[in-house]
Amino acid sequence: MGKGLFFLLGLAIGSFITVIYFKYSGNSHNNKPYFKLQANYKIEGVDGYLKKGTIIRMDEGMDEGFDRYILYLNIKGGKLQKIDSLNGVYPYWLSEVTSQ
């Protein structure tokens, strides 16, 4: 009986510590801030723009000197083409539009 009680107590304490760690960890998905674009941005390689006021979410800062952001899109209807040959993250490079 004593070993079973210690096992359950250890399991409960370990679970509690794990929950607290992920809830308050600086790397938690919930702690990543959102940003609003303050200018229009051209999407390099495609005929497209992200307009001023678009909300994006910080993903990760890179050692190479750029930051990666996430843009969430909800698409209702329309036609999409599935691409099976891409693996990993497929980034688009954006540059601020300085004149129009």
N, C-alpha and C. Protein backbone atom coordinates (compact mmCIF):
# COMPACT_ATOMS: atom_id res chain seq x y z
N MET A 1 0.84 -1.20 0.00
CA MET A 1 0.00 0.00 0.00
C MET A 1 0.87 1.25 0.00
N GLY A 2 1.97 1.24 0.72
CA GLY A 2 2.83 2.41 0.81
C GLY A 2 3.48 2.77 -0.51
N LYS A 3 3.93 1.75 -1.28
CA LYS A 3 4.57 2.02 -2.57
C LYS A 3 3.57 2.58 -3.57
N GLY A 4 2.35 2.07 -3.56
CA GLY A 4 1.31 2.55 -4.47
C GLY A 4 0.94 4.00 -4.18
N LEU A 5 0.88 4.34 -2.90
CA LEU A 5 0.56 5.72 -2.51
C LEU A 5 1.66 6.68 -2.94
N PHE A 6 2.91 6.28 -2.74
CA PHE A 6 4.02 7.11 -3.17
C PHE A 6 4.05 7.26 -4.69
N PHE A 7 3.71 6.20 -5.41
CA PHE A 7 3.66 6.27 -6.87
C PHE A 7 2.60 7.27 -7.33
N LEU A 8 1.41 7.19 -6.76
CA LEU A 8 0.32 8.11 -7.13
C LEU A 8 0.66 9.55 -6.76
N LEU A 9 1.27 9.74 -5.61
CA LEU A 9 1.67 11.09 -5.19
C LEU A 9 2.73 11.65 -6.14
N GLY A 10 3.70 10.83 -6.50
CA GLY A 10 4.73 11.26 -7.45
C GLY A 10 4.15 11.57 -8.82
N LEU A 11 3.21 10.77 -9.28
CA LEU A 11 2.54 11.00 -10.56
C LEU A 11 1.76 12.31 -10.53
N ALA A 12 1.07 12.56 -9.45
CA ALA A 12 0.29 13.80 -9.33
C ALA A 12 1.21 15.02 -9.30
N ILE A 13 2.28 14.98 -8.54
CA ILE A 13 3.22 16.10 -8.47
C ILE A 13 3.90 16.32 -9.82
N GLY A 14 4.32 15.24 -10.48
CA GLY A 14 4.95 15.36 -11.80
C GLY A 14 4.00 15.96 -12.83
N SER A 15 2.75 15.54 -12.81
CA SER A 15 1.75 16.09 -13.73
C SER A 15 1.53 17.58 -13.47
N PHE A 16 1.45 17.94 -12.21
CA PHE A 16 1.24 19.34 -11.83
C PHE A 16 2.42 20.20 -12.32
N ILE A 17 3.63 19.74 -12.10
CA ILE A 17 4.82 20.49 -12.52
C ILE A 17 4.86 20.62 -14.04
N THR A 18 4.50 19.57 -14.75
CA THR A 18 4.48 19.61 -16.22
C THR A 18 3.47 20.63 -16.72
N VAL A 19 2.29 20.65 -16.16
CA VAL A 19 1.25 21.61 -16.56
C VAL A 19 1.72 23.03 -16.29
N ILE A 20 2.28 23.28 -15.13
CA ILE A 20 2.77 24.62 -14.78
C ILE A 20 3.89 25.04 -15.73
N TYR A 21 4.81 24.14 -16.04
CA TYR A 21 5.91 24.46 -16.95
C TYR A 21 5.40 24.91 -18.31
N PHE A 22 4.49 24.14 -18.91
CA PHE A 22 4.01 24.48 -20.24
C PHE A 22 3.11 25.70 -20.23
N LYS A 23 2.41 25.94 -19.14
CA LYS A 23 1.54 27.11 -19.05
C LYS A 23 2.34 28.40 -18.96
N TYR A 24 3.45 28.40 -18.24
CA TYR A 24 4.22 29.62 -18.00
C TYR A 24 5.57 29.64 -18.71
N SER A 25 5.84 28.67 -19.54
CA SER A 25 7.11 28.63 -20.27
C SER A 25 7.16 29.75 -21.30
N GLY A 26 8.31 30.39 -21.44
CA GLY A 26 8.48 31.45 -22.43
C GLY A 26 8.36 30.94 -23.85
N ASN A 27 8.54 29.65 -24.09
CA ASN A 27 8.43 29.08 -25.42
C ASN A 27 7.03 28.59 -25.73
N SER A 28 6.11 28.84 -24.85
CA SER A 28 4.75 28.36 -25.05
C SER A 28 4.12 29.02 -26.26
N HIS A 29 3.33 28.26 -27.00
CA HIS A 29 2.63 28.77 -28.18
C HIS A 29 1.72 29.93 -27.81
N ASN A 30 1.16 29.90 -26.62
CA ASN A 30 0.23 30.95 -26.19
C ASN A 30 0.91 32.28 -25.91
N ASN A 31 2.21 32.29 -25.70
CA ASN A 31 2.92 33.52 -25.36
C ASN A 31 3.46 34.26 -26.58
N LYS A 32 3.21 33.77 -27.77
CA LYS A 32 3.74 34.42 -28.97
C LYS A 32 2.82 35.57 -29.36
N PRO A 33 3.39 36.77 -29.50
CA PRO A 33 2.56 37.95 -29.73
C PRO A 33 2.08 38.09 -31.18
N TYR A 34 1.05 38.87 -31.33
CA TYR A 34 0.53 39.24 -32.64
C TYR A 34 1.03 40.65 -32.98
N PHE A 35 1.15 40.92 -34.28
CA PHE A 35 1.58 42.23 -34.76
C PHE A 35 0.67 42.67 -35.89
N LYS A 36 0.51 43.98 -36.04
CA LYS A 36 -0.25 44.56 -37.14
C LYS A 36 0.74 45.24 -38.09
N LEU A 37 0.68 44.88 -39.38
CA LEU A 37 1.57 45.50 -40.36
C LEU A 37 1.29 46.99 -40.45
N GLN A 38 2.34 47.79 -40.43
CA GLN A 38 2.22 49.24 -40.48
C GLN A 38 2.44 49.79 -41.89
N ALA A 39 2.62 48.91 -42.87
CA ALA A 39 2.80 49.29 -44.27
C ALA A 39 2.33 48.13 -45.14
N ASN A 40 2.19 48.36 -46.43
CA ASN A 40 1.91 47.28 -47.37
C ASN A 40 3.20 46.53 -47.65
N TYR A 41 3.11 45.21 -47.85
CA TYR A 41 4.28 44.38 -48.12
C TYR A 41 4.04 43.57 -49.39
N LYS A 42 5.02 43.60 -50.29
CA LYS A 42 5.01 42.81 -51.52
C LYS A 42 5.49 41.41 -51.17
N ILE A 43 4.79 40.40 -51.69
CA ILE A 43 5.20 39.01 -51.51
C ILE A 43 6.06 38.64 -52.70
N GLU A 44 7.35 38.43 -52.46
CA GLU A 44 8.29 38.13 -53.54
C GLU A 44 8.00 36.77 -54.16
N GLY A 45 8.07 36.70 -55.47
CA GLY A 45 7.89 35.44 -56.18
C GLY A 45 6.46 35.15 -56.59
N VAL A 46 5.51 35.92 -56.09
CA VAL A 46 4.11 35.78 -56.51
C VAL A 46 3.54 37.17 -56.70
N ASP A 47 2.43 37.24 -57.40
CA ASP A 47 1.78 38.53 -57.64
C ASP A 47 0.82 38.80 -56.49
N GLY A 48 1.36 39.26 -55.35
CA GLY A 48 0.50 39.47 -54.20
C GLY A 48 1.08 40.44 -53.19
N TYR A 49 0.21 40.96 -52.35
CA TYR A 49 0.58 41.91 -51.31
C TYR A 49 -0.12 41.53 -50.01
N LEU A 50 0.51 41.89 -48.91
CA LEU A 50 -0.17 41.92 -47.62
C LEU A 50 -0.40 43.39 -47.32
N LYS A 51 -1.63 43.74 -47.05
CA LYS A 51 -1.97 45.15 -46.85
C LYS A 51 -1.72 45.60 -45.42
N LYS A 52 -1.45 46.90 -45.30
CA LYS A 52 -1.30 47.53 -43.99
C LYS A 52 -2.51 47.16 -43.14
N GLY A 53 -2.25 46.81 -41.88
CA GLY A 53 -3.32 46.42 -40.97
C GLY A 53 -3.50 44.92 -40.84
N THR A 54 -2.83 44.13 -41.71
CA THR A 54 -2.90 42.67 -41.62
C THR A 54 -2.30 42.21 -40.29
N ILE A 55 -2.97 41.29 -39.63
CA ILE A 55 -2.50 40.77 -38.34
C ILE A 55 -1.70 39.50 -38.59
N ILE A 56 -0.49 39.46 -38.06
CA ILE A 56 0.37 38.29 -38.17
C ILE A 56 0.86 37.90 -36.77
N ARG A 57 1.28 36.66 -36.62
CA ARG A 57 1.72 36.17 -35.31
C ARG A 57 3.19 35.79 -35.37
N MET A 58 3.94 36.22 -34.37
CA MET A 58 5.35 35.88 -34.26
C MET A 58 5.50 34.38 -34.14
N ASP A 59 6.42 33.81 -34.94
CA ASP A 59 6.70 32.38 -34.85
C ASP A 59 8.05 32.16 -34.21
N GLU A 60 9.10 32.76 -34.83
CA GLU A 60 10.44 32.52 -34.31
C GLU A 60 11.42 33.52 -34.90
N GLY A 61 12.38 33.97 -34.09
CA GLY A 61 13.47 34.82 -34.56
C GLY A 61 14.62 33.94 -35.02
N MET A 62 15.16 34.26 -36.17
CA MET A 62 16.22 33.43 -36.74
C MET A 62 17.59 34.06 -36.52
N ASP A 63 18.60 33.23 -36.33
CA ASP A 63 19.97 33.71 -36.14
C ASP A 63 20.49 34.46 -37.36
N GLU A 64 19.92 34.18 -38.54
CA GLU A 64 20.38 34.83 -39.77
C GLU A 64 19.95 36.29 -39.87
N GLY A 65 19.16 36.78 -38.93
CA GLY A 65 18.81 38.19 -38.89
C GLY A 65 17.41 38.51 -39.39
N PHE A 66 16.54 37.54 -39.49
CA PHE A 66 15.15 37.82 -39.86
C PHE A 66 14.23 37.10 -38.89
N ASP A 67 12.99 37.51 -38.86
CA ASP A 67 11.99 36.89 -38.01
C ASP A 67 10.95 36.20 -38.88
N ARG A 68 10.39 35.09 -38.37
CA ARG A 68 9.36 34.37 -39.11
C ARG A 68 8.02 34.58 -38.40
N TYR A 69 7.00 34.86 -39.19
CA TYR A 69 5.66 35.10 -38.69
C TYR A 69 4.68 34.13 -39.32
N ILE A 70 3.53 33.98 -38.69
CA ILE A 70 2.47 33.11 -39.17
C ILE A 70 1.29 33.99 -39.54
N LEU A 71 0.69 33.69 -40.70
CA LEU A 71 -0.53 34.35 -41.14
C LEU A 71 -1.60 33.28 -41.20
N TYR A 72 -2.64 33.42 -40.39
CA TYR A 72 -3.72 32.45 -40.40
C TYR A 72 -4.75 32.87 -41.43
N LEU A 73 -5.17 31.93 -42.27
CA LEU A 73 -6.15 32.21 -43.31
C LEU A 73 -7.34 31.27 -43.18
N ASN A 74 -8.52 31.82 -43.30
CA ASN A 74 -9.74 31.01 -43.40
C ASN A 74 -10.24 31.16 -44.82
N ILE A 75 -10.36 30.06 -45.53
CA ILE A 75 -10.79 30.10 -46.93
C ILE A 75 -12.13 29.38 -47.02
N LYS A 76 -13.12 30.09 -47.54
CA LYS A 76 -14.45 29.52 -47.70
C LYS A 76 -14.71 29.41 -49.20
N GLY A 77 -14.88 28.19 -49.68
CA GLY A 77 -15.12 27.98 -51.10
C GLY A 77 -13.83 28.12 -51.90
N GLY A 78 -13.97 28.31 -53.19
CA GLY A 78 -12.81 28.47 -54.05
C GLY A 78 -12.17 27.13 -54.36
N LYS A 79 -11.15 27.17 -55.20
CA LYS A 79 -10.46 25.95 -55.59
C LYS A 79 -9.00 26.05 -55.19
N LEU A 80 -8.49 25.01 -54.56
CA LEU A 80 -7.10 24.94 -54.15
C LEU A 80 -6.46 23.73 -54.80
N GLN A 81 -5.18 23.84 -55.07
CA GLN A 81 -4.42 22.71 -55.62
C GLN A 81 -3.49 22.19 -54.54
N LYS A 82 -3.64 20.93 -54.19
CA LYS A 82 -2.78 20.31 -53.19
C LYS A 82 -1.42 20.04 -53.80
N ILE A 83 -0.35 20.35 -53.04
CA ILE A 83 1.01 20.11 -53.48
C ILE A 83 1.64 19.13 -52.51
N ASP A 84 1.96 17.93 -52.99
CA ASP A 84 2.48 16.88 -52.13
C ASP A 84 4.00 16.87 -52.02
N SER A 85 4.70 17.60 -52.89
CA SER A 85 6.15 17.47 -52.96
C SER A 85 6.91 18.38 -52.00
N LEU A 86 6.23 19.24 -51.28
CA LEU A 86 6.91 20.16 -50.36
C LEU A 86 7.00 19.56 -48.97
N ASN A 87 8.14 19.71 -48.34
CA ASN A 87 8.34 19.24 -46.96
C ASN A 87 8.79 20.42 -46.11
N GLY A 88 8.32 20.49 -44.90
CA GLY A 88 8.74 21.55 -43.99
C GLY A 88 8.03 22.86 -44.25
N VAL A 89 8.69 23.95 -43.88
CA VAL A 89 8.13 25.29 -44.02
C VAL A 89 8.52 25.85 -45.38
N TYR A 90 7.56 26.39 -46.08
CA TYR A 90 7.82 27.00 -47.38
C TYR A 90 7.61 28.51 -47.23
N PRO A 91 8.69 29.26 -46.98
CA PRO A 91 8.52 30.68 -46.66
C PRO A 91 8.40 31.56 -47.90
N TYR A 92 7.64 32.63 -47.75
CA TYR A 92 7.61 33.70 -48.73
C TYR A 92 8.36 34.88 -48.13
N TRP A 93 9.17 35.54 -48.93
CA TRP A 93 9.90 36.72 -48.46
C TRP A 93 9.07 37.94 -48.78
N LEU A 94 8.94 38.83 -47.81
CA LEU A 94 8.16 40.05 -47.98
C LEU A 94 9.09 41.25 -47.91
N SER A 95 8.81 42.25 -48.72
CA SER A 95 9.54 43.51 -48.65
C SER A 95 8.52 44.65 -48.61
N GLU A 96 8.83 45.63 -47.78
CA GLU A 96 7.92 46.76 -47.59
C GLU A 96 7.78 47.54 -48.89
N VAL A 97 6.55 47.90 -49.22
CA VAL A 97 6.28 48.71 -50.39
C VAL A 97 6.51 50.17 -50.01
N THR A 98 7.47 50.81 -50.66
CA THR A 98 7.81 52.20 -50.29
C THR A 98 7.10 53.23 -51.15
N SER A 99 6.61 52.84 -52.34
CA SER A 99 5.88 53.79 -53.18
C SER A 99 4.84 53.05 -53.99
N GLN A 100 3.75 53.74 -54.30
CA GLN A 100 2.70 53.14 -55.15
C GLN A 100 2.09 54.15 -56.04
